[in-house]
Amino acid sequence: MSHEEKRAWIRLVVAVLGYSAYVALIASRADGRSLPDVPYANALLWTVGAAIAASIVAETGMAVVNPRASRARDVRDREIGRLGDHVGQSFVVIGAVAAMLMAMVDWDRFWIANVIYLCFVLSAIVGGITKVVVYRRSFPQW
């Protein structure tokens, strides 16, 4: 498994676990209240920060465990990275458009912030899955 494929796996797993922790935390805080009444901002910021830190720690740990592994990126790595990023970016656009429409019709900030966060996570997940699948199979021929 190449270094870049390992990074894709790490980021994919961290995105799923980080968002799952956030959803579980918000659900546990609801306690019968409606979701917009739940304090979410600190939980959102902490889970995003923790996910970033966990990804950095995991990637650093991967480098420490196997210090002689090649970190050179070849053309295939760059193309796979580009494809995964392009596929994932569609969810960033979907989230931005959804948030804009929600703001225009005066939805609660809770929903706007959460749709943006969800789309960022979906972007990371779908982009990561794309990278892993292409690494495991082959690059699509158009």
C-alpha atoms as a PDB file:
ATOM      1  CA  MET A   1       0.000   0.000   0.000  1.00  0.00           C
ATOM      2  CA  SER A   2       1.444   3.341  -1.007  1.00  0.00           C
ATOM      3  CA  HIS A   3       1.934   6.260   1.342  1.00  0.00           C
ATOM      4  CA  GLU A   4      -0.794   8.252  -0.418  1.00  0.00           C
ATOM      5  CA  GLU A   5      -3.271   5.379  -0.166  1.00  0.00           C
ATOM      6  CA  LYS A   6      -2.589   5.137   3.578  1.00  0.00           C
ATOM      7  CA  ARG A   7      -3.206   8.879   3.895  1.00  0.00           C
ATOM      8  CA  ALA A   8      -6.517   8.485   2.035  1.00  0.00           C
ATOM      9  CA  TRP A   9      -7.562   5.717   4.447  1.00  0.00           C
ATOM     10  CA  ILE A  10      -6.594   7.773   7.483  1.00  0.00           C
ATOM     11  CA  ARG A  11      -8.538  10.808   6.327  1.00  0.00           C
ATOM     12  CA  LEU A  12     -11.549   8.697   5.398  1.00  0.00           C
ATOM     13  CA  VAL A  13     -11.699   6.966   8.787  1.00  0.00           C
ATOM     14  CA  VAL A  14     -11.092  10.196  10.706  1.00  0.00           C
ATOM     15  CA  ALA A  15     -13.872  11.989   8.793  1.00  0.00           C
ATOM     16  CA  VAL A  16     -16.384   9.241   9.582  1.00  0.00           C
ATOM     17  CA  LEU A  17     -15.388   8.965  13.249  1.00  0.00           C
ATOM     18  CA  GLY A  18     -15.242  12.724  13.799  1.00  0.00           C
ATOM     19  CA  TYR A  19     -18.674  13.365  12.323  1.00  0.00           C
ATOM     20  CA  SER A  20     -20.142  10.357  14.134  1.00  0.00           C
ATOM     21  CA  ALA A  21     -18.824  11.743  17.421  1.00  0.00           C
ATOM     22  CA  TYR A  22     -20.380  15.134  16.653  1.00  0.00           C
ATOM     23  CA  VAL A  23     -23.778  13.641  15.809  1.00  0.00           C
ATOM     24  CA  ALA A  24     -23.717  11.469  18.934  1.00  0.00           C
ATOM     25  CA  LEU A  25     -22.776  14.458  21.080  1.00  0.00           C
ATOM     26  CA  ILE A  26     -25.551  16.653  19.669  1.00  0.00           C
ATOM     27  CA  ALA A  27     -28.103  13.849  19.964  1.00  0.00           C
ATOM     28  CA  SER A  28     -27.141  13.260  23.587  1.00  0.00           C
ATOM     29  CA  ARG A  29     -27.486  16.956  24.358  1.00  0.00           C
ATOM     30  CA  ALA A  30     -30.960  17.204  22.786  1.00  0.00           C
ATOM     31  CA  ASP A  31     -32.642  15.518  25.774  1.00  0.00           C
ATOM     32  CA  GLY A  32     -36.151  16.104  24.411  1.00  0.00           C
ATOM     33  CA  ARG A  33     -35.464  19.602  23.069  1.00  0.00           C
ATOM     34  CA  SER A  34     -35.650  20.487  19.397  1.00  0.00           C
ATOM     35  CA  LEU A  35     -32.259  20.330  17.692  1.00  0.00           C
ATOM     36  CA  PRO A  36     -31.953  24.084  16.977  1.00  0.00           C
ATOM     37  CA  ASP A  37     -32.154  24.678  20.735  1.00  0.00           C
ATOM     38  CA  VAL A  38     -29.141  22.460  21.410  1.00  0.00           C
ATOM     39  CA  PRO A  39     -25.833  24.305  21.879  1.00  0.00           C
ATOM     40  CA  TYR A  40     -23.810  23.049  18.940  1.00  0.00           C
ATOM     41  CA  ALA A  41     -21.092  25.592  18.084  1.00  0.00           C
ATOM     42  CA  ASN A  42     -18.470  24.431  20.587  1.00  0.00           C
ATOM     43  CA  ALA A  43     -19.111  20.769  19.783  1.00  0.00           C
ATOM     44  CA  LEU A  44     -18.780  21.475  16.062  1.00  0.00           C
ATOM     45  CA  LEU A  45     -15.543  23.401  16.469  1.00  0.00           C
ATOM     46  CA  TRP A  46     -14.030  20.861  18.863  1.00  0.00           C
ATOM     47  CA  THR A  47     -14.881  17.858  16.704  1.00  0.00           C
ATOM     48  CA  VAL A  48     -13.482  19.544  13.595  1.00  0.00           C
ATOM     49  CA  GLY A  49     -10.322  20.491  15.488  1.00  0.00           C
ATOM     50  CA  ALA A  50     -10.011  17.023  16.993  1.00  0.00           C
ATOM     51  CA  ALA A  51     -10.437  15.416  13.571  1.00  0.00           C
ATOM     52  CA  ILE A  52      -7.698  17.603  12.117  1.00  0.00           C
ATOM     53  CA  ALA A  53      -5.405  16.812  15.048  1.00  0.00           C
ATOM     54  CA  ALA A  54      -6.193  13.081  14.849  1.00  0.00           C
ATOM     55  CA  SER A  55      -5.398  13.049  11.154  1.00  0.00           C
ATOM     56  CA  ILE A  56      -2.067  14.797  11.743  1.00  0.00           C
ATOM     57  CA  VAL A  57      -1.176  12.446  14.601  1.00  0.00           C
ATOM     58  CA  ALA A  58      -2.151   9.347  12.595  1.00  0.00           C
ATOM     59  CA  GLU A  59      -0.184  10.463   9.528  1.00  0.00           C
ATOM     60  CA  THR A  60       2.824  11.294  11.712  1.00  0.00           C
ATOM     61  CA  GLY A  61       2.506   7.936  13.440  1.00  0.00           C
ATOM     62  CA  MET A  62       2.394   6.215  10.066  1.00  0.00           C
ATOM     63  CA  ALA A  63       5.631   7.968   9.095  1.00  0.00           C
ATOM     64  CA  VAL A  64       7.310   7.038  12.392  1.00  0.00           C
ATOM     65  CA  VAL A  65       6.295   3.372  12.172  1.00  0.00           C
ATOM     66  CA  ASN A  66       7.725   3.051   8.676  1.00  0.00           C
ATOM     67  CA  PRO A  67      10.393   5.766   8.310  1.00  0.00           C
ATOM     68  CA  ARG A  68      11.954   4.241   5.205  1.00  0.00           C
ATOM     69  CA  ALA A  69       8.736   4.165   3.204  1.00  0.00           C
ATOM     70  CA  SER A  70       8.863   6.136   0.013  1.00  0.00           C
ATOM     71  CA  ARG A  71       6.886   9.347   0.090  1.00  0.00           C
ATOM     72  CA  ALA A  72       7.492  10.105  -3.554  1.00  0.00           C
ATOM     73  CA  ARG A  73       4.351  10.858  -5.507  1.00  0.00           C
ATOM     74  CA  ASP A  74       4.263   9.644  -9.071  1.00  0.00           C
ATOM     75  CA  VAL A  75       1.913  10.605 -11.886  1.00  0.00           C
ATOM     76  CA  ARG A  76      -0.631   7.979 -10.829  1.00  0.00           C
ATOM     77  CA  ASP A  77      -0.729   9.333  -7.253  1.00  0.00           C
ATOM     78  CA  ARG A  78      -1.276  12.870  -8.523  1.00  0.00           C
ATOM     79  CA  GLU A  79      -4.042  11.774 -10.904  1.00  0.00           C
ATOM     80  CA  ILE A  80      -5.791   9.730  -8.215  1.00  0.00           C
ATOM     81  CA  GLY A  81      -5.549  12.661  -5.803  1.00  0.00           C
ATOM     82  CA  ARG A  82      -6.959  15.012  -8.401  1.00  0.00           C
ATOM     83  CA  LEU A  83      -9.828  12.650  -9.266  1.00  0.00           C
ATOM     84  CA  GLY A  84     -10.734  12.135  -5.596  1.00  0.00           C
ATOM     85  CA  ASP A  85     -10.646  15.870  -4.950  1.00  0.00           C
ATOM     86  CA  HIS A  86     -12.832  16.623  -7.977  1.00  0.00           C
ATOM     87  CA  VAL A  87     -15.404  14.008  -6.993  1.00  0.00           C
ATOM     88  CA  GLY A  88     -15.467  15.192  -3.374  1.00  0.00           C
ATOM     89  CA  GLN A  89     -15.646  18.891  -4.248  1.00  0.00           C
ATOM     90  CA  SER A  90     -19.139  18.470  -5.657  1.00  0.00           C
ATOM     91  CA  PHE A  91     -20.412  18.160  -2.096  1.00  0.00           C
ATOM     92  CA  VAL A  92     -18.726  21.419  -1.100  1.00  0.00           C
ATOM     93  CA  VAL A  93     -20.682  23.135  -3.868  1.00  0.00           C
ATOM     94  CA  ILE A  94     -23.902  21.371  -2.872  1.00  0.00           C
ATOM     95  CA  GLY A  95     -23.371  22.486   0.737  1.00  0.00           C
ATOM     96  CA  ALA A  96     -22.688  26.079  -0.264  1.00  0.00           C
ATOM     97  CA  VAL A  97     -25.787  26.272  -2.451  1.00  0.00           C
ATOM     98  CA  ALA A  98     -27.936  24.598   0.199  1.00  0.00           C
ATOM     99  CA  ALA A  99     -26.643  26.959   2.914  1.00  0.00           C
ATOM    100  CA  MET A 100     -27.245  29.975   0.694  1.00  0.00           C
ATOM    101  CA  LEU A 101     -30.826  28.898  -0.010  1.00  0.00           C
ATOM    102  CA  MET A 102     -31.423  28.134   3.671  1.00  0.00           C
ATOM    103  CA  ALA A 103     -30.133  31.583   4.638  1.00  0.00           C
ATOM    104  CA  MET A 104     -32.333  33.231   2.017  1.00  0.00           C
ATOM    105  CA  VAL A 105     -35.446  31.678   3.545  1.00  0.00           C
ATOM    106  CA  ASP A 106     -34.315  32.432   7.120  1.00  0.00           C
ATOM    107  CA  TRP A 107     -33.688  28.940   8.407  1.00  0.00           C
ATOM    108  CA  ASP A 108     -32.157  28.631  11.844  1.00  0.00           C
ATOM    109  CA  ARG A 109     -28.364  28.952  12.023  1.00  0.00           C
ATOM    110  CA  PHE A 110     -28.165  25.444  13.476  1.00  0.00           C
ATOM    111  CA  TRP A 111     -29.403  23.905  10.231  1.00  0.00           C
ATOM    112  CA  ILE A 112     -27.223  26.100   8.036  1.00  0.00           C
ATOM    113  CA  ALA A 113     -24.061  25.299  10.012  1.00  0.00           C
ATOM    114  CA  ASN A 114     -24.896  21.604  10.091  1.00  0.00           C
ATOM    115  CA  VAL A 115     -25.615  21.293   6.381  1.00  0.00           C
ATOM    116  CA  ILE A 116     -22.256  22.926   5.659  1.00  0.00           C
ATOM    117  CA  TYR A 117     -20.475  20.585   8.086  1.00  0.00           C
ATOM    118  CA  LEU A 118     -22.286  17.543   6.659  1.00  0.00           C
ATOM    119  CA  CYS A 119     -21.323  18.474   3.111  1.00  0.00           C
ATOM    120  CA  PHE A 120     -17.676  18.995   4.097  1.00  0.00           C
ATOM    121  CA  VAL A 121     -17.701  15.539   5.674  1.00  0.00           C
ATOM    122  CA  LEU A 122     -19.436  14.005   2.652  1.00  0.00           C
ATOM    123  CA  SER A 123     -16.824  15.646   0.464  1.00  0.00           C
ATOM    124  CA  ALA A 124     -14.038  14.029   2.502  1.00  0.00           C
ATOM    125  CA  ILE A 125     -15.786  10.645   2.567  1.00  0.00           C
ATOM    126  CA  VAL A 126     -16.699  10.484  -1.106  1.00  0.00           C
ATOM    127  CA  GLY A 127     -13.298  11.830  -2.157  1.00  0.00           C
ATOM    128  CA  GLY A 128     -11.560   9.320   0.129  1.00  0.00           C
ATOM    129  CA  ILE A 129     -13.643   6.409  -1.121  1.00  0.00           C
ATOM    130  CA  THR A 130     -12.880   7.424  -4.699  1.00  0.00           C
ATOM    131  CA  LYS A 131      -9.151   7.470  -3.995  1.00  0.00           C
ATOM    132  CA  VAL A 132      -9.178   4.125  -2.199  1.00  0.00           C
ATOM    133  CA  VAL A 133     -11.259   2.444  -4.915  1.00  0.00           C
ATOM    134  CA  VAL A 134      -9.005   3.737  -7.683  1.00  0.00           C
ATOM    135  CA  TYR A 135      -5.896   2.632  -5.778  1.00  0.00           C
ATOM    136  CA  ARG A 136      -7.416  -0.834  -5.313  1.00  0.00           C
ATOM    137  CA  ARG A 137      -8.753  -1.237  -8.829  1.00  0.00           C
ATOM    138  CA  SER A 138      -7.464   0.799 -11.716  1.00  0.00           C
ATOM    139  CA  PHE A 139      -7.702   4.308 -13.005  1.00  0.00           C
ATOM    140  CA  PRO A 140     -10.898   4.758 -15.069  1.00  0.00           C
ATOM    141  CA  GLN A 141     -10.414   4.972 -18.815  1.00  0.00           C
ATOM    142  CA  TRP A 142     -12.678   7.479 -20.469  1.00  0.00           C
END
